[in-house]
Amino acid sequence: MTVEKDGEKYYTAAEAAEYLGISRPTFNKNVKPNLPEYKHGALRRIVYRQSDLDKFKGIHPVEANHQERS
């Protein structure tokens, strides 16, 4: 049920997990708490914006104070 509004795509939690290539439990535990939620339709279903999901794809810089574990 991907929704598109004003040129932006919105995904349900299951679709967001698939979009990111991760399991639903991994999405719920590690990604979902860091995303803004949007409500859509008469049922006010929670959806997630693709541009927010894109921040969790690909390569990310390591924080400056992060030290590698040996």
N, C-alpha and C. Protein backbone atom coordinates (compact mmCIF):
# COMPACT_ATOMS: atom_id res chain seq x y z
N MET A 1 0.82 -1.18 0.00
CA MET A 1 0.00 0.00 0.00
C MET A 1 0.87 1.26 0.00
N THR A 2 1.90 1.25 -0.81
CA THR A 2 2.73 2.45 -0.91
C THR A 2 1.87 3.62 -1.36
N VAL A 3 2.01 4.73 -0.67
CA VAL A 3 1.23 5.93 -0.96
C VAL A 3 2.18 6.98 -1.49
N GLU A 4 1.74 7.73 -2.49
CA GLU A 4 2.56 8.84 -2.98
C GLU A 4 1.76 10.12 -2.85
N LYS A 5 2.39 11.13 -2.23
CA LYS A 5 1.74 12.42 -2.05
C LYS A 5 2.79 13.51 -2.21
N ASP A 6 2.49 14.48 -3.03
CA ASP A 6 3.40 15.60 -3.29
C ASP A 6 4.80 15.13 -3.69
N GLY A 7 4.86 14.07 -4.49
CA GLY A 7 6.14 13.57 -4.99
C GLY A 7 6.94 12.75 -4.00
N GLU A 8 6.39 12.46 -2.85
CA GLU A 8 7.08 11.69 -1.81
C GLU A 8 6.34 10.37 -1.61
N LYS A 9 7.09 9.27 -1.48
CA LYS A 9 6.49 7.96 -1.24
C LYS A 9 6.48 7.68 0.26
N TYR A 10 5.41 7.02 0.69
CA TYR A 10 5.23 6.62 2.09
C TYR A 10 4.98 5.12 2.14
N TYR A 11 5.59 4.45 3.11
CA TYR A 11 5.52 2.99 3.23
C TYR A 11 4.98 2.56 4.59
N THR A 12 4.27 1.44 4.60
CA THR A 12 3.89 0.82 5.87
C THR A 12 5.16 0.24 6.49
N ALA A 13 5.08 -0.22 7.72
CA ALA A 13 6.26 -0.80 8.39
C ALA A 13 6.78 -2.01 7.62
N ALA A 14 5.89 -2.88 7.17
CA ALA A 14 6.32 -4.06 6.41
C ALA A 14 7.00 -3.65 5.12
N GLU A 15 6.44 -2.69 4.41
CA GLU A 15 7.03 -2.20 3.17
C GLU A 15 8.37 -1.51 3.43
N ALA A 16 8.46 -0.76 4.53
CA ALA A 16 9.69 -0.06 4.87
C ALA A 16 10.81 -1.05 5.15
N ALA A 17 10.50 -2.12 5.88
CA ALA A 17 11.50 -3.15 6.16
C ALA A 17 11.97 -3.78 4.85
N GLU A 18 11.04 -4.09 3.96
CA GLU A 18 11.40 -4.67 2.66
C GLU A 18 12.24 -3.68 1.85
N TYR A 19 11.86 -2.42 1.85
CA TYR A 19 12.60 -1.38 1.13
C TYR A 19 14.05 -1.31 1.61
N LEU A 20 14.24 -1.45 2.92
CA LEU A 20 15.58 -1.38 3.50
C LEU A 20 16.33 -2.70 3.41
N GLY A 21 15.62 -3.78 3.07
CA GLY A 21 16.26 -5.08 2.96
C GLY A 21 16.56 -5.72 4.29
N ILE A 22 15.71 -5.43 5.29
CA ILE A 22 15.89 -5.99 6.63
C ILE A 22 14.60 -6.67 7.08
N SER A 23 14.70 -7.43 8.15
CA SER A 23 13.51 -8.11 8.67
C SER A 23 12.62 -7.12 9.40
N ARG A 24 11.40 -7.49 9.56
CA ARG A 24 10.45 -6.63 10.28
C ARG A 24 10.87 -6.44 11.74
N PRO A 25 11.30 -7.52 12.46
CA PRO A 25 11.76 -7.29 13.84
C PRO A 25 12.97 -6.34 13.92
N THR A 26 13.89 -6.44 12.96
CA THR A 26 15.04 -5.53 12.94
C THR A 26 14.58 -4.10 12.70
N PHE A 27 13.63 -3.92 11.79
CA PHE A 27 13.07 -2.60 11.54
C PHE A 27 12.45 -2.03 12.80
N ASN A 28 11.61 -2.84 13.46
CA ASN A 28 10.91 -2.38 14.66
C ASN A 28 11.87 -2.01 15.79
N LYS A 29 12.93 -2.77 15.94
CA LYS A 29 13.86 -2.55 17.05
C LYS A 29 14.87 -1.43 16.79
N ASN A 30 15.41 -1.38 15.57
CA ASN A 30 16.54 -0.49 15.31
C ASN A 30 16.23 0.75 14.47
N VAL A 31 15.24 0.68 13.62
CA VAL A 31 14.99 1.79 12.70
C VAL A 31 13.76 2.60 13.13
N LYS A 32 12.67 1.92 13.37
CA LYS A 32 11.40 2.58 13.68
C LYS A 32 11.50 3.64 14.79
N PRO A 33 12.23 3.36 15.89
CA PRO A 33 12.31 4.38 16.95
C PRO A 33 12.97 5.69 16.51
N ASN A 34 13.70 5.64 15.39
CA ASN A 34 14.41 6.82 14.90
C ASN A 34 13.72 7.52 13.74
N LEU A 35 12.49 7.13 13.43
CA LEU A 35 11.77 7.69 12.30
C LEU A 35 10.55 8.48 12.74
N PRO A 36 10.27 9.59 12.06
CA PRO A 36 8.99 10.26 12.29
C PRO A 36 7.88 9.42 11.67
N GLU A 37 6.73 9.40 12.31
CA GLU A 37 5.58 8.65 11.81
C GLU A 37 4.56 9.62 11.22
N TYR A 38 3.92 9.18 10.14
CA TYR A 38 2.87 9.95 9.49
C TYR A 38 1.63 9.09 9.46
N LYS A 39 0.47 9.71 9.50
CA LYS A 39 -0.78 8.97 9.44
C LYS A 39 -1.45 9.23 8.10
N HIS A 40 -2.05 8.16 7.56
CA HIS A 40 -2.66 8.27 6.24
C HIS A 40 -4.03 7.61 6.21
N GLY A 41 -4.95 8.25 5.53
CA GLY A 41 -6.26 7.66 5.25
C GLY A 41 -7.22 7.69 6.42
N ALA A 42 -8.41 7.17 6.15
CA ALA A 42 -9.47 7.16 7.15
C ALA A 42 -9.11 6.33 8.37
N LEU A 43 -8.32 5.28 8.15
CA LEU A 43 -7.92 4.42 9.28
C LEU A 43 -6.73 4.99 10.04
N ARG A 44 -6.19 6.11 9.52
CA ARG A 44 -5.05 6.78 10.15
C ARG A 44 -3.87 5.81 10.33
N ARG A 45 -3.66 5.03 9.28
CA ARG A 45 -2.57 4.05 9.27
C ARG A 45 -1.22 4.75 9.34
N ILE A 46 -0.30 4.22 10.12
CA ILE A 46 1.03 4.83 10.26
C ILE A 46 1.88 4.42 9.07
N VAL A 47 2.52 5.42 8.46
CA VAL A 47 3.41 5.20 7.33
C VAL A 47 4.70 5.97 7.56
N TYR A 48 5.73 5.61 6.78
CA TYR A 48 7.05 6.20 6.92
C TYR A 48 7.49 6.76 5.57
N ARG A 49 8.08 7.94 5.59
CA ARG A 49 8.48 8.64 4.37
C ARG A 49 9.76 8.05 3.80
N GLN A 50 9.79 7.88 2.48
CA GLN A 50 10.95 7.29 1.82
C GLN A 50 12.22 8.08 2.07
N SER A 51 12.15 9.39 2.03
CA SER A 51 13.37 10.19 2.25
C SER A 51 13.93 9.98 3.66
N ASP A 52 13.08 9.68 4.63
CA ASP A 52 13.56 9.35 5.98
C ASP A 52 14.20 7.96 5.99
N LEU A 53 13.60 7.02 5.26
CA LEU A 53 14.14 5.67 5.19
C LEU A 53 15.49 5.65 4.49
N ASP A 54 15.67 6.53 3.51
CA ASP A 54 16.92 6.56 2.76
C ASP A 54 18.12 6.86 3.64
N LYS A 55 17.91 7.49 4.76
CA LYS A 55 19.01 7.78 5.68
C LYS A 55 19.57 6.51 6.29
N PHE A 56 18.82 5.41 6.21
CA PHE A 56 19.26 4.14 6.78
C PHE A 56 19.80 3.19 5.72
N LYS A 57 19.89 3.64 4.48
CA LYS A 57 20.43 2.83 3.39
C LYS A 57 21.86 3.25 3.09
N GLY A 58 22.64 2.30 2.62
CA GLY A 58 23.97 2.63 2.11
C GLY A 58 25.01 2.86 3.18
N ILE A 59 26.01 3.61 2.80
CA ILE A 59 27.17 3.86 3.66
C ILE A 59 26.95 5.15 4.45
N HIS A 60 27.30 5.09 5.73
CA HIS A 60 27.14 6.25 6.60
C HIS A 60 28.47 6.57 7.26
N PRO A 61 28.73 7.83 7.52
CA PRO A 61 29.97 8.17 8.23
C PRO A 61 29.91 7.68 9.67
N VAL A 62 31.04 7.31 10.20
CA VAL A 62 31.15 6.89 11.58
C VAL A 62 31.26 8.15 12.43
N GLU A 63 30.60 8.15 13.57
CA GLU A 63 30.66 9.32 14.46
C GLU A 63 32.10 9.57 14.89
N ALA A 64 32.44 10.83 15.09
CA ALA A 64 33.81 11.21 15.43
C ALA A 64 34.29 10.58 16.72
N ASN A 65 33.38 10.38 17.69
CA ASN A 65 33.80 9.85 18.98
C ASN A 65 33.68 8.31 19.03
N HIS A 66 33.38 7.69 17.90
CA HIS A 66 33.25 6.24 17.83
C HIS A 66 34.64 5.61 17.77
N GLN A 67 34.88 4.61 18.58
CA GLN A 67 36.15 3.91 18.55
C GLN A 67 35.87 2.47 18.10
N GLU A 68 36.71 1.98 17.22
CA GLU A 68 36.51 0.61 16.75
C GLU A 68 36.80 -0.37 17.87
N ARG A 69 36.01 -1.43 17.89
CA ARG A 69 36.22 -2.49 18.89
C ARG A 69 37.22 -3.48 18.35
N SER A 70 38.06 -3.97 19.21
CA SER A 70 39.04 -4.94 18.76
C SER A 70 38.66 -6.35 19.14
